[in-house]
Amino acid sequence: MIIKEATFVGSFVKLEQYPVPDMPEIAMAGRSNVGKSSLINTLLNRKKLAKTSSTPGKTRTINFYNINHHFYLVDLPGYGYAKVSKKERESWGGMIGKYLSHRPSLREVVLLVDCRHDPSEDDKEMYGWIQQRGFGSVVIATKADKLSRSKLMQQMKRIRNQLGMKKEAVILPVSALKKEGVDPVWEVLESHLAPISFEMPPLPEQGEDE
């Protein structure tokens, strides 16, 4: 995909704050230190559009980016950071759950995992959550430049097995540092961006726990 325009729309925490769902959306989820912001900047060929931080767990909102006036790329809050309080983790979980359940324009949720490590329990839980909502056909293995080719292939097979990925689901290695693996990611993402029509579902009742 040729990125002609990529703009930050805003950071939100409530359903009623989100942009009108008039374009397809692709969301990205992952642990706080998985390199999500760096990957977004690499995919969009921008240096600082998605802000990176040396403090994991800093992103506490759902961030929307308008890409080519064609679709939204959505950055979900990172999870799994030990210094975040239980109350904050539950709050983020509720926020993500409501987003996944009530955005009619959501086409896919991509899970990012660090290729150097086996999926954490948080990764497995998140991926199971994504699958339950009918998504999860794409997993991205970040920091692929940190492993040899043979070790990377071994790790991707382990990640696939441990996440319980379906046969048709794909796992793609990417290095944001070396800008490797970007084209295959875009090929898969574009396949989810066909024009859509939908009706806006009702917002959950106040206090409803997703």
N, C-alpha and C. Protein backbone atom coordinates (compact mmCIF):
# COMPACT_ATOMS: atom_id res chain seq x y z
N MET A 1 0.84 -1.20 0.00
CA MET A 1 0.00 0.00 0.00
C MET A 1 0.87 1.24 0.00
N ILE A 2 0.54 2.21 -0.84
CA ILE A 2 1.22 3.48 -0.85
C ILE A 2 0.52 4.42 0.13
N ILE A 3 1.25 4.87 1.14
CA ILE A 3 0.67 5.74 2.17
C ILE A 3 0.82 7.19 1.71
N LYS A 4 -0.27 7.77 1.23
CA LYS A 4 -0.25 9.16 0.80
C LYS A 4 -0.52 10.11 1.96
N GLU A 5 -1.32 9.65 2.90
CA GLU A 5 -1.67 10.51 4.04
C GLU A 5 -1.95 9.64 5.25
N ALA A 6 -1.35 9.97 6.36
CA ALA A 6 -1.59 9.27 7.62
C ALA A 6 -1.66 10.32 8.72
N THR A 7 -2.82 10.43 9.35
CA THR A 7 -3.01 11.46 10.36
C THR A 7 -3.52 10.86 11.66
N PHE A 8 -3.06 11.42 12.75
CA PHE A 8 -3.54 11.02 14.07
C PHE A 8 -4.89 11.68 14.31
N VAL A 9 -5.91 10.87 14.58
CA VAL A 9 -7.27 11.39 14.78
C VAL A 9 -7.48 11.79 16.23
N GLY A 10 -7.06 10.92 17.16
CA GLY A 10 -7.25 11.24 18.57
C GLY A 10 -7.12 10.02 19.45
N SER A 11 -7.06 10.26 20.75
CA SER A 11 -6.99 9.21 21.77
C SER A 11 -8.29 9.21 22.55
N PHE A 12 -8.90 8.04 22.69
CA PHE A 12 -10.23 7.97 23.28
C PHE A 12 -10.32 6.82 24.29
N VAL A 13 -11.30 6.93 25.18
CA VAL A 13 -11.52 5.89 26.18
C VAL A 13 -12.96 5.39 26.21
N LYS A 14 -13.89 6.12 25.55
CA LYS A 14 -15.30 5.75 25.60
C LYS A 14 -15.85 5.57 24.19
N LEU A 15 -16.81 4.67 24.05
CA LEU A 15 -17.41 4.38 22.75
C LEU A 15 -17.95 5.62 22.07
N GLU A 16 -18.61 6.47 22.84
CA GLU A 16 -19.24 7.64 22.24
C GLU A 16 -18.22 8.67 21.75
N GLN A 17 -16.96 8.51 22.14
CA GLN A 17 -15.92 9.44 21.70
C GLN A 17 -15.29 9.03 20.37
N TYR A 18 -15.41 7.75 20.01
CA TYR A 18 -14.72 7.25 18.84
C TYR A 18 -15.20 7.95 17.56
N PRO A 19 -14.37 7.97 16.52
CA PRO A 19 -14.82 8.53 15.24
C PRO A 19 -16.03 7.78 14.70
N VAL A 20 -16.84 8.47 13.91
CA VAL A 20 -17.96 7.81 13.24
C VAL A 20 -17.41 6.63 12.43
N PRO A 21 -17.99 5.43 12.57
CA PRO A 21 -17.43 4.25 11.90
C PRO A 21 -17.81 4.20 10.42
N ASP A 22 -17.28 5.16 9.67
CA ASP A 22 -17.63 5.26 8.26
C ASP A 22 -16.56 4.68 7.34
N MET A 23 -15.51 4.08 7.94
CA MET A 23 -14.47 3.43 7.17
C MET A 23 -14.09 2.12 7.87
N PRO A 24 -13.54 1.16 7.13
CA PRO A 24 -13.07 -0.07 7.78
C PRO A 24 -11.99 0.26 8.81
N GLU A 25 -11.87 -0.63 9.80
CA GLU A 25 -10.85 -0.45 10.84
C GLU A 25 -10.06 -1.73 11.02
N ILE A 26 -8.77 -1.58 11.22
CA ILE A 26 -7.90 -2.69 11.61
C ILE A 26 -7.22 -2.29 12.90
N ALA A 27 -7.34 -3.12 13.92
CA ALA A 27 -6.77 -2.82 15.23
C ALA A 27 -5.55 -3.68 15.49
N MET A 28 -4.64 -3.14 16.29
CA MET A 28 -3.44 -3.87 16.68
C MET A 28 -3.36 -3.96 18.19
N ALA A 29 -3.08 -5.17 18.67
CA ALA A 29 -3.00 -5.43 20.10
C ALA A 29 -1.68 -6.11 20.42
N GLY A 30 -1.20 -5.93 21.65
CA GLY A 30 0.03 -6.59 22.04
C GLY A 30 0.50 -6.11 23.40
N ARG A 31 1.50 -6.81 23.93
CA ARG A 31 2.09 -6.42 25.21
C ARG A 31 2.70 -5.04 25.12
N SER A 32 2.88 -4.43 26.27
CA SER A 32 3.37 -3.05 26.34
C SER A 32 4.74 -2.87 25.71
N ASN A 33 5.59 -3.89 25.73
CA ASN A 33 6.95 -3.74 25.22
C ASN A 33 7.17 -4.50 23.91
N VAL A 34 6.11 -4.78 23.17
CA VAL A 34 6.24 -5.61 21.97
C VAL A 34 6.70 -4.81 20.76
N GLY A 35 6.69 -3.48 20.84
CA GLY A 35 7.12 -2.65 19.72
C GLY A 35 6.00 -2.24 18.80
N LYS A 36 4.81 -2.06 19.36
CA LYS A 36 3.63 -1.74 18.54
C LYS A 36 3.75 -0.37 17.88
N SER A 37 4.14 0.64 18.64
CA SER A 37 4.26 1.99 18.08
C SER A 37 5.33 2.03 16.99
N SER A 38 6.44 1.37 17.22
CA SER A 38 7.50 1.33 16.21
C SER A 38 7.02 0.65 14.94
N LEU A 39 6.25 -0.41 15.09
CA LEU A 39 5.73 -1.10 13.91
C LEU A 39 4.75 -0.21 13.15
N ILE A 40 3.87 0.47 13.86
CA ILE A 40 2.90 1.36 13.20
C ILE A 40 3.64 2.43 12.41
N ASN A 41 4.66 3.03 13.00
CA ASN A 41 5.43 4.05 12.29
C ASN A 41 6.11 3.47 11.06
N THR A 42 6.61 2.25 11.16
CA THR A 42 7.26 1.61 10.02
C THR A 42 6.26 1.30 8.92
N LEU A 43 5.11 0.76 9.28
CA LEU A 43 4.09 0.45 8.28
C LEU A 43 3.63 1.70 7.55
N LEU A 44 3.53 2.80 8.27
CA LEU A 44 3.02 4.04 7.70
C LEU A 44 4.12 4.92 7.13
N ASN A 45 5.37 4.46 7.24
CA ASN A 45 6.53 5.20 6.74
C ASN A 45 6.59 6.60 7.36
N ARG A 46 6.34 6.64 8.65
CA ARG A 46 6.42 7.87 9.42
C ARG A 46 7.35 7.64 10.60
N LYS A 47 8.04 8.68 11.03
CA LYS A 47 9.00 8.51 12.12
C LYS A 47 8.37 8.62 13.50
N LYS A 48 7.45 9.55 13.67
CA LYS A 48 6.96 9.82 15.02
C LYS A 48 5.44 9.97 15.09
N LEU A 49 4.73 9.39 14.14
CA LEU A 49 3.27 9.51 14.17
C LEU A 49 2.70 8.81 15.40
N ALA A 50 3.10 7.55 15.59
CA ALA A 50 2.75 6.83 16.82
C ALA A 50 3.89 7.04 17.80
N LYS A 51 3.58 7.59 18.96
CA LYS A 51 4.64 7.95 19.91
C LYS A 51 5.14 6.71 20.64
N THR A 52 6.46 6.52 20.59
CA THR A 52 7.08 5.44 21.34
C THR A 52 7.50 5.97 22.71
N SER A 53 7.64 5.05 23.65
CA SER A 53 7.98 5.46 25.01
C SER A 53 8.93 4.47 25.64
N SER A 54 9.83 4.96 26.47
CA SER A 54 10.72 4.07 27.22
C SER A 54 10.04 3.51 28.45
N THR A 55 8.81 3.96 28.70
CA THR A 55 8.04 3.48 29.85
C THR A 55 6.90 2.59 29.38
N PRO A 56 7.06 1.25 29.47
CA PRO A 56 5.98 0.36 29.03
C PRO A 56 4.70 0.63 29.81
N GLY A 57 3.57 0.44 29.14
CA GLY A 57 2.28 0.61 29.80
C GLY A 57 1.78 2.03 29.80
N LYS A 58 2.48 2.93 29.09
CA LYS A 58 2.10 4.34 29.11
C LYS A 58 0.83 4.60 28.31
N THR A 59 0.64 3.85 27.22
CA THR A 59 -0.54 4.06 26.39
C THR A 59 -1.78 3.54 27.12
N ARG A 60 -2.70 4.42 27.48
CA ARG A 60 -3.87 4.04 28.26
C ARG A 60 -5.15 4.43 27.55
N THR A 61 -5.04 4.67 26.26
CA THR A 61 -6.19 5.06 25.46
C THR A 61 -6.20 4.23 24.18
N ILE A 62 -7.30 4.33 23.44
CA ILE A 62 -7.38 3.71 22.12
C ILE A 62 -7.12 4.82 21.10
N ASN A 63 -6.07 4.64 20.32
CA ASN A 63 -5.62 5.69 19.41
C ASN A 63 -6.00 5.36 17.97
N PHE A 64 -6.61 6.34 17.29
CA PHE A 64 -7.07 6.16 15.92
C PHE A 64 -6.19 6.95 14.95
N TYR A 65 -5.84 6.30 13.83
CA TYR A 65 -5.08 6.94 12.76
C TYR A 65 -5.87 6.79 11.45
N ASN A 66 -6.04 7.89 10.75
CA ASN A 66 -6.76 7.90 9.47
C ASN A 66 -5.73 7.70 8.36
N ILE A 67 -5.89 6.60 7.61
CA ILE A 67 -4.92 6.25 6.58
C ILE A 67 -5.54 6.45 5.20
N ASN A 68 -5.01 7.43 4.47
CA ASN A 68 -5.44 7.70 3.08
C ASN A 68 -6.94 7.99 2.96
N HIS A 69 -7.58 8.36 4.06
CA HIS A 69 -9.03 8.53 4.06
C HIS A 69 -9.72 7.26 3.55
N HIS A 70 -9.09 6.14 3.81
CA HIS A 70 -9.56 4.83 3.32
C HIS A 70 -9.90 3.89 4.47
N PHE A 71 -9.14 3.97 5.56
CA PHE A 71 -9.43 3.13 6.72
C PHE A 71 -8.76 3.72 7.95
N TYR A 72 -9.20 3.23 9.12
CA TYR A 72 -8.58 3.59 10.39
C TYR A 72 -7.65 2.45 10.84
N LEU A 73 -6.45 2.82 11.24
CA LEU A 73 -5.58 1.90 11.96
C LEU A 73 -5.71 2.25 13.43
N VAL A 74 -6.01 1.27 14.25
CA VAL A 74 -6.35 1.53 15.65
C VAL A 74 -5.33 0.85 16.57
N ASP A 75 -4.74 1.63 17.44
CA ASP A 75 -3.73 1.16 18.38
C ASP A 75 -4.39 0.95 19.74
N LEU A 76 -4.50 -0.32 20.14
CA LEU A 76 -5.12 -0.65 21.43
C LEU A 76 -4.10 -0.55 22.56
N PRO A 77 -4.55 -0.28 23.79
CA PRO A 77 -3.60 -0.17 24.91
C PRO A 77 -2.80 -1.44 25.11
N GLY A 78 -1.52 -1.27 25.41
CA GLY A 78 -0.68 -2.43 25.71
C GLY A 78 -1.08 -3.07 27.02
N TYR A 79 -0.79 -4.34 27.16
CA TYR A 79 -1.16 -5.09 28.37
C TYR A 79 0.07 -5.83 28.91
N GLY A 80 -0.10 -6.38 30.10
CA GLY A 80 0.92 -7.26 30.65
C GLY A 80 2.06 -6.56 31.38
N TYR A 81 1.93 -5.26 31.66
CA TYR A 81 3.00 -4.56 32.37
C TYR A 81 2.78 -4.66 33.86
N ALA A 82 3.75 -5.24 34.56
CA ALA A 82 3.57 -5.60 35.97
C ALA A 82 3.31 -4.40 36.88
N LYS A 83 3.86 -3.22 36.55
CA LYS A 83 3.74 -2.07 37.45
C LYS A 83 2.39 -1.37 37.33
N VAL A 84 1.57 -1.82 36.40
CA VAL A 84 0.23 -1.25 36.28
C VAL A 84 -0.67 -1.91 37.32
N SER A 85 -1.47 -1.13 38.00
CA SER A 85 -2.32 -1.67 39.06
C SER A 85 -3.40 -2.59 38.50
N LYS A 86 -3.91 -3.46 39.35
CA LYS A 86 -4.98 -4.36 38.94
C LYS A 86 -6.20 -3.59 38.47
N LYS A 87 -6.51 -2.50 39.16
CA LYS A 87 -7.66 -1.69 38.78
C LYS A 87 -7.48 -1.11 37.39
N GLU A 88 -6.27 -0.62 37.08
CA GLU A 88 -6.00 -0.08 35.75
C GLU A 88 -6.09 -1.15 34.69
N ARG A 89 -5.56 -2.35 34.98
CA ARG A 89 -5.62 -3.45 34.02
C ARG A 89 -7.07 -3.81 33.72
N GLU A 90 -7.91 -3.86 34.76
CA GLU A 90 -9.32 -4.17 34.56
C GLU A 90 -10.01 -3.09 33.74
N SER A 91 -9.63 -1.84 33.98
CA SER A 91 -10.21 -0.72 33.23
C SER A 91 -9.86 -0.82 31.76
N TRP A 92 -8.60 -1.12 31.46
CA TRP A 92 -8.17 -1.24 30.08
C TRP A 92 -8.86 -2.42 29.41
N GLY A 93 -8.97 -3.52 30.17
CA GLY A 93 -9.63 -4.70 29.63
C GLY A 93 -11.07 -4.42 29.24
N GLY A 94 -11.77 -3.67 30.10
CA GLY A 94 -13.15 -3.29 29.79
C GLY A 94 -13.22 -2.40 28.58
N MET A 95 -12.27 -1.47 28.46
CA MET A 95 -12.24 -0.56 27.33
C MET A 95 -12.03 -1.34 26.02
N ILE A 96 -11.07 -2.26 26.03
CA ILE A 96 -10.78 -3.05 24.83
C ILE A 96 -11.96 -3.95 24.49
N GLY A 97 -12.56 -4.56 25.52
CA GLY A 97 -13.69 -5.45 25.28
C GLY A 97 -14.86 -4.74 24.63
N LYS A 98 -15.17 -3.55 25.09
CA LYS A 98 -16.26 -2.78 24.51
C LYS A 98 -15.94 -2.36 23.07
N TYR A 99 -14.69 -1.99 22.84
CA TYR A 99 -14.30 -1.63 21.47
C TYR A 99 -14.48 -2.83 20.54
N LEU A 100 -13.99 -3.99 20.93
CA LEU A 100 -14.07 -5.18 20.07
C LEU A 100 -15.51 -5.60 19.81
N SER A 101 -16.37 -5.37 20.78
CA SER A 101 -17.74 -5.86 20.68
C SER A 101 -18.70 -4.88 20.01
N HIS A 102 -18.33 -3.60 19.94
CA HIS A 102 -19.32 -2.60 19.52
C HIS A 102 -18.85 -1.70 18.37
N ARG A 103 -17.82 -2.13 17.62
CA ARG A 103 -17.41 -1.35 16.45
C ARG A 103 -17.78 -2.12 15.19
N PRO A 104 -18.85 -1.73 14.51
CA PRO A 104 -19.32 -2.48 13.34
C PRO A 104 -18.35 -2.42 12.17
N SER A 105 -17.46 -1.43 12.16
CA SER A 105 -16.52 -1.28 11.05
C SER A 105 -15.21 -2.02 11.27
N LEU A 106 -15.08 -2.70 12.39
CA LEU A 106 -13.84 -3.43 12.70
C LEU A 106 -13.72 -4.66 11.82
N ARG A 107 -12.64 -4.74 11.04
CA ARG A 107 -12.46 -5.83 10.10
C ARG A 107 -11.49 -6.90 10.57
N GLU A 108 -10.48 -6.51 11.35
CA GLU A 108 -9.52 -7.48 11.85
C GLU A 108 -8.79 -6.92 13.06
N VAL A 109 -8.39 -7.82 13.96
CA VAL A 109 -7.56 -7.46 15.10
C VAL A 109 -6.28 -8.27 14.99
N VAL A 110 -5.17 -7.58 14.88
CA VAL A 110 -3.86 -8.22 14.69
C VAL A 110 -3.14 -8.29 16.03
N LEU A 111 -2.70 -9.47 16.42
CA LEU A 111 -1.94 -9.62 17.65
C LEU A 111 -0.45 -9.54 17.34
N LEU A 112 0.27 -8.71 18.09
CA LEU A 112 1.72 -8.62 17.97
C LEU A 112 2.37 -9.39 19.11
N VAL A 113 3.36 -10.20 18.79
CA VAL A 113 4.13 -10.93 19.79
C VAL A 113 5.61 -10.77 19.48
N ASP A 114 6.42 -10.80 20.52
CA ASP A 114 7.87 -10.69 20.37
C ASP A 114 8.39 -12.06 19.92
N CYS A 115 9.01 -12.11 18.74
CA CYS A 115 9.43 -13.40 18.18
C CYS A 115 10.49 -14.10 19.02
N ARG A 116 11.15 -13.37 19.90
CA ARG A 116 12.24 -13.97 20.69
C ARG A 116 11.74 -14.83 21.84
N HIS A 117 10.45 -14.69 22.16
CA HIS A 117 9.92 -15.36 23.34
C HIS A 117 8.65 -16.14 23.00
N ASP A 118 8.37 -17.14 23.80
CA ASP A 118 7.09 -17.82 23.69
C ASP A 118 5.98 -16.87 24.12
N PRO A 119 4.78 -17.04 23.60
CA PRO A 119 3.67 -16.18 24.02
C PRO A 119 3.44 -16.27 25.53
N SER A 120 3.21 -15.12 26.14
CA SER A 120 2.92 -15.08 27.57
C SER A 120 1.47 -15.52 27.80
N GLU A 121 1.13 -15.71 29.07
CA GLU A 121 -0.26 -16.04 29.38
C GLU A 121 -1.19 -14.91 28.97
N ASP A 122 -0.72 -13.66 29.10
CA ASP A 122 -1.52 -12.52 28.65
C ASP A 122 -1.73 -12.56 27.14
N ASP A 123 -0.69 -12.92 26.40
CA ASP A 123 -0.82 -13.05 24.94
C ASP A 123 -1.86 -14.11 24.58
N LYS A 124 -1.78 -15.25 25.25
CA LYS A 124 -2.71 -16.34 24.96
C LYS A 124 -4.15 -15.94 25.29
N GLU A 125 -4.30 -15.26 26.42
CA GLU A 125 -5.64 -14.81 26.82
C GLU A 125 -6.19 -13.80 25.81
N MET A 126 -5.33 -12.86 25.40
CA MET A 126 -5.77 -11.84 24.44
C MET A 126 -6.13 -12.47 23.11
N TYR A 127 -5.31 -13.41 22.66
CA TYR A 127 -5.59 -14.04 21.37
C TYR A 127 -6.88 -14.86 21.42
N GLY A 128 -7.10 -15.54 22.53
CA GLY A 128 -8.35 -16.27 22.69
C GLY A 128 -9.55 -15.35 22.65
N TRP A 129 -9.40 -14.21 23.28
CA TRP A 129 -10.43 -13.17 23.30
C TRP A 129 -10.71 -12.68 21.89
N ILE A 130 -9.64 -12.44 21.13
CA ILE A 130 -9.77 -11.98 19.75
C ILE A 130 -10.48 -13.03 18.90
N GLN A 131 -10.08 -14.28 19.07
CA GLN A 131 -10.69 -15.36 18.29
C GLN A 131 -12.18 -15.51 18.59
N GLN A 132 -12.55 -15.36 19.85
CA GLN A 132 -13.95 -15.48 20.23
C GLN A 132 -14.82 -14.47 19.51
N ARG A 133 -14.24 -13.37 19.13
CA ARG A 133 -14.99 -12.32 18.43
C ARG A 133 -14.85 -12.41 16.92
N GLY A 134 -14.30 -13.53 16.44
CA GLY A 134 -14.25 -13.79 15.01
C GLY A 134 -13.05 -13.21 14.29
N PHE A 135 -12.04 -12.75 15.04
CA PHE A 135 -10.84 -12.20 14.42
C PHE A 135 -9.66 -13.14 14.68
N GLY A 136 -8.44 -12.64 14.46
CA GLY A 136 -7.26 -13.44 14.78
C GLY A 136 -6.65 -14.17 13.61
N SER A 137 -6.94 -13.73 12.38
CA SER A 137 -6.37 -14.42 11.22
C SER A 137 -4.95 -13.97 10.93
N VAL A 138 -4.47 -12.95 11.67
CA VAL A 138 -3.12 -12.43 11.45
C VAL A 138 -2.41 -12.23 12.79
N VAL A 139 -1.21 -12.78 12.90
CA VAL A 139 -0.32 -12.53 14.03
C VAL A 139 0.99 -12.01 13.46
N ILE A 140 1.53 -10.96 14.06
CA ILE A 140 2.81 -10.40 13.63
C ILE A 140 3.86 -10.68 14.69
N ALA A 141 4.97 -11.28 14.26
CA ALA A 141 6.10 -11.56 15.14
C ALA A 141 7.11 -10.42 14.99
N THR A 142 7.19 -9.56 16.00
CA THR A 142 8.04 -8.38 15.92
C THR A 142 9.50 -8.71 16.27
N LYS A 143 10.38 -7.74 15.98
CA LYS A 143 11.81 -7.82 16.32
C LYS A 143 12.48 -9.01 15.66
N ALA A 144 12.07 -9.29 14.40
CA ALA A 144 12.57 -10.46 13.68
C ALA A 144 14.07 -10.37 13.39
N ASP A 145 14.63 -9.17 13.41
CA ASP A 145 16.06 -9.01 13.15
C ASP A 145 16.92 -9.53 14.29
N LYS A 146 16.31 -9.83 15.43
CA LYS A 146 17.07 -10.26 16.60
C LYS A 146 17.41 -11.75 16.57
N LEU A 147 16.83 -12.51 15.62
CA LEU A 147 17.05 -13.95 15.55
C LEU A 147 17.61 -14.35 14.20
N SER A 148 18.35 -15.44 14.18
CA SER A 148 18.80 -16.01 12.91
C SER A 148 17.59 -16.55 12.16
N ARG A 149 17.74 -16.76 10.87
CA ARG A 149 16.63 -17.25 10.05
C ARG A 149 16.09 -18.58 10.57
N SER A 150 16.97 -19.51 10.90
CA SER A 150 16.52 -20.82 11.37
C SER A 150 15.82 -20.72 12.72
N LYS A 151 16.37 -19.91 13.62
CA LYS A 151 15.76 -19.74 14.94
C LYS A 151 14.41 -19.05 14.81
N LEU A 152 14.32 -18.09 13.90
CA LEU A 152 13.06 -17.38 13.69
C LEU A 152 11.97 -18.33 13.22
N MET A 153 12.30 -19.22 12.29
CA MET A 153 11.32 -20.18 11.79
C MET A 153 10.85 -21.11 12.91
N GLN A 154 11.79 -21.53 13.75
CA GLN A 154 11.44 -22.39 14.88
C GLN A 154 10.50 -21.66 15.85
N GLN A 155 10.83 -20.42 16.14
CA GLN A 155 10.02 -19.65 17.08
C GLN A 155 8.62 -19.38 16.54
N MET A 156 8.51 -19.10 15.26
CA MET A 156 7.19 -18.83 14.69
C MET A 156 6.32 -20.09 14.75
N LYS A 157 6.92 -21.24 14.57
CA LYS A 157 6.16 -22.48 14.70
C LYS A 157 5.70 -22.69 16.14
N ARG A 158 6.57 -22.38 17.11
CA ARG A 158 6.21 -22.50 18.52
C ARG A 158 5.09 -21.53 18.87
N ILE A 159 5.21 -20.29 18.38
CA ILE A 159 4.18 -19.29 18.65
C ILE A 159 2.84 -19.73 18.08
N ARG A 160 2.85 -20.22 16.85
CA ARG A 160 1.61 -20.70 16.21
C ARG A 160 0.97 -21.79 17.05
N ASN A 161 1.77 -22.76 17.48
CA ASN A 161 1.23 -23.89 18.25
C ASN A 161 0.72 -23.45 19.61
N GLN A 162 1.47 -22.59 20.28
CA GLN A 162 1.09 -22.20 21.64
C GLN A 162 -0.11 -21.27 21.67
N LEU A 163 -0.30 -20.48 20.62
CA LEU A 163 -1.49 -19.64 20.54
C LEU A 163 -2.71 -20.41 20.07
N GLY A 164 -2.49 -21.59 19.49
CA GLY A 164 -3.62 -22.35 18.96
C GLY A 164 -4.18 -21.71 17.70
N MET A 165 -3.30 -21.20 16.85
CA MET A 165 -3.75 -20.54 15.62
C MET A 165 -4.38 -21.55 14.67
N LYS A 166 -5.42 -21.13 13.98
CA LYS A 166 -6.06 -21.98 13.00
C LYS A 166 -5.15 -22.15 11.79
N LYS A 167 -5.40 -23.22 11.04
CA LYS A 167 -4.55 -23.55 9.90
C LYS A 167 -4.47 -22.41 8.90
N GLU A 168 -5.61 -21.73 8.68
CA GLU A 168 -5.64 -20.67 7.68
C GLU A 168 -5.07 -19.35 8.17
N ALA A 169 -4.84 -19.21 9.47
CA ALA A 169 -4.27 -17.99 10.01
C ALA A 169 -2.79 -17.89 9.65
N VAL A 170 -2.29 -16.65 9.54
CA VAL A 170 -0.90 -16.45 9.14
C VAL A 170 -0.13 -15.75 10.25
N ILE A 171 1.14 -16.10 10.35
CA ILE A 171 2.05 -15.40 11.26
C ILE A 171 3.17 -14.83 10.41
N LEU A 172 3.42 -13.52 10.56
CA LEU A 172 4.35 -12.81 9.69
C LEU A 172 5.46 -12.18 10.51
N PRO A 173 6.73 -12.45 10.18
CA PRO A 173 7.85 -11.83 10.88
C PRO A 173 8.12 -10.42 10.34
N VAL A 174 8.37 -9.47 11.24
CA VAL A 174 8.62 -8.09 10.84
C VAL A 174 9.74 -7.50 11.70
N SER A 175 10.58 -6.72 11.06
CA SER A 175 11.58 -5.94 11.79
C SER A 175 11.32 -4.47 11.53
N ALA A 176 10.86 -3.76 12.55
CA ALA A 176 10.65 -2.32 12.40
C ALA A 176 11.99 -1.61 12.25
N LEU A 177 13.02 -2.12 12.91
CA LEU A 177 14.34 -1.50 12.87
C LEU A 177 14.92 -1.53 11.45
N LYS A 178 14.80 -2.69 10.80
CA LYS A 178 15.38 -2.84 9.45
C LYS A 178 14.34 -2.69 8.34
N LYS A 179 13.09 -2.43 8.76
CA LYS A 179 12.00 -2.26 7.79
C LYS A 179 11.85 -3.48 6.88
N GLU A 180 11.93 -4.64 7.49
CA GLU A 180 11.78 -5.91 6.77
C GLU A 180 10.43 -6.54 7.09
N GLY A 181 9.80 -7.12 6.07
CA GLY A 181 8.53 -7.81 6.27
C GLY A 181 7.32 -6.91 6.13
N VAL A 182 7.50 -5.66 5.73
CA VAL A 182 6.40 -4.71 5.64
C VAL A 182 5.43 -5.05 4.52
N ASP A 183 5.94 -5.38 3.34
CA ASP A 183 5.07 -5.65 2.19
C ASP A 183 4.12 -6.83 2.43
N PRO A 184 4.61 -7.97 2.96
CA PRO A 184 3.68 -9.07 3.24
C PRO A 184 2.58 -8.69 4.24
N VAL A 185 2.92 -7.85 5.21
CA VAL A 185 1.90 -7.41 6.17
C VAL A 185 0.83 -6.61 5.46
N TRP A 186 1.23 -5.67 4.60
CA TRP A 186 0.26 -4.86 3.89
C TRP A 186 -0.61 -5.70 2.95
N GLU A 187 -0.04 -6.71 2.33
CA GLU A 187 -0.83 -7.58 1.44
C GLU A 187 -1.96 -8.23 2.22
N VAL A 188 -1.66 -8.70 3.43
CA VAL A 188 -2.68 -9.36 4.24
C VAL A 188 -3.69 -8.35 4.76
N LEU A 189 -3.21 -7.20 5.24
CA LEU A 189 -4.13 -6.20 5.79
C LEU A 189 -5.08 -5.68 4.72
N GLU A 190 -4.57 -5.45 3.51
CA GLU A 190 -5.41 -4.92 2.45
C GLU A 190 -6.53 -5.88 2.08
N SER A 191 -6.31 -7.16 2.29
CA SER A 191 -7.34 -8.14 1.97
C SER A 191 -8.56 -8.00 2.88
N HIS A 192 -8.40 -7.28 4.00
CA HIS A 192 -9.50 -7.07 4.94
C HIS A 192 -10.17 -5.71 4.77
N LEU A 193 -9.78 -4.97 3.75
CA LEU A 193 -10.25 -3.59 3.62
C LEU A 193 -11.24 -3.38 2.49
N ALA A 194 -11.94 -4.43 2.10
CA ALA A 194 -12.97 -4.26 1.07
C ALA A 194 -14.06 -3.35 1.59
N PRO A 195 -14.74 -2.62 0.70
CA PRO A 195 -15.84 -1.74 1.15
C PRO A 195 -16.88 -2.51 1.96
N ILE A 196 -17.47 -1.86 2.94
CA ILE A 196 -18.44 -2.51 3.81
C ILE A 196 -19.68 -1.64 3.97
N SER A 197 -20.76 -2.27 4.36
CA SER A 197 -21.96 -1.55 4.78
C SER A 197 -22.40 -2.15 6.10
N PHE A 198 -22.93 -1.33 6.98
CA PHE A 198 -23.26 -1.82 8.31
C PHE A 198 -24.26 -0.89 8.96
N GLU A 199 -24.83 -1.38 10.03
CA GLU A 199 -25.68 -0.57 10.87
C GLU A 199 -25.00 -0.41 12.22
N MET A 200 -25.09 0.77 12.76
CA MET A 200 -24.47 1.04 14.05
C MET A 200 -25.22 0.31 15.16
N PRO A 201 -24.53 -0.56 15.93
CA PRO A 201 -25.21 -1.24 17.03
C PRO A 201 -25.47 -0.28 18.17
N PRO A 202 -26.43 -0.58 19.02
CA PRO A 202 -26.69 0.30 20.17
C PRO A 202 -25.52 0.29 21.14
N LEU A 203 -25.29 1.42 21.78
CA LEU A 203 -24.26 1.47 22.81
C LEU A 203 -24.71 0.66 24.01
N PRO A 204 -23.75 0.05 24.75
CA PRO A 204 -24.13 -0.71 25.93
C PRO A 204 -24.74 0.18 26.99
N GLU A 205 -25.56 -0.41 27.82
CA GLU A 205 -26.14 0.36 28.92
C GLU A 205 -25.03 0.85 29.84
N GLN A 206 -25.24 1.99 30.45
CA GLN A 206 -24.23 2.55 31.35
C GLN A 206 -23.95 1.56 32.48
N GLY A 207 -22.66 1.29 32.68
CA GLY A 207 -22.28 0.36 33.72
C GLY A 207 -22.19 -1.07 33.26
N GLU A 208 -22.56 -1.31 31.99
CA GLU A 208 -22.49 -2.68 31.50
C GLU A 208 -21.05 -3.13 31.44
N ASP A 209 -20.77 -4.32 31.90
CA ASP A 209 -19.42 -4.85 31.94
C ASP A 209 -19.24 -5.84 30.80
N GLU A 210 -18.32 -5.53 29.91
CA GLU A 210 -18.08 -6.40 28.76
C GLU A 210 -17.08 -7.48 29.11
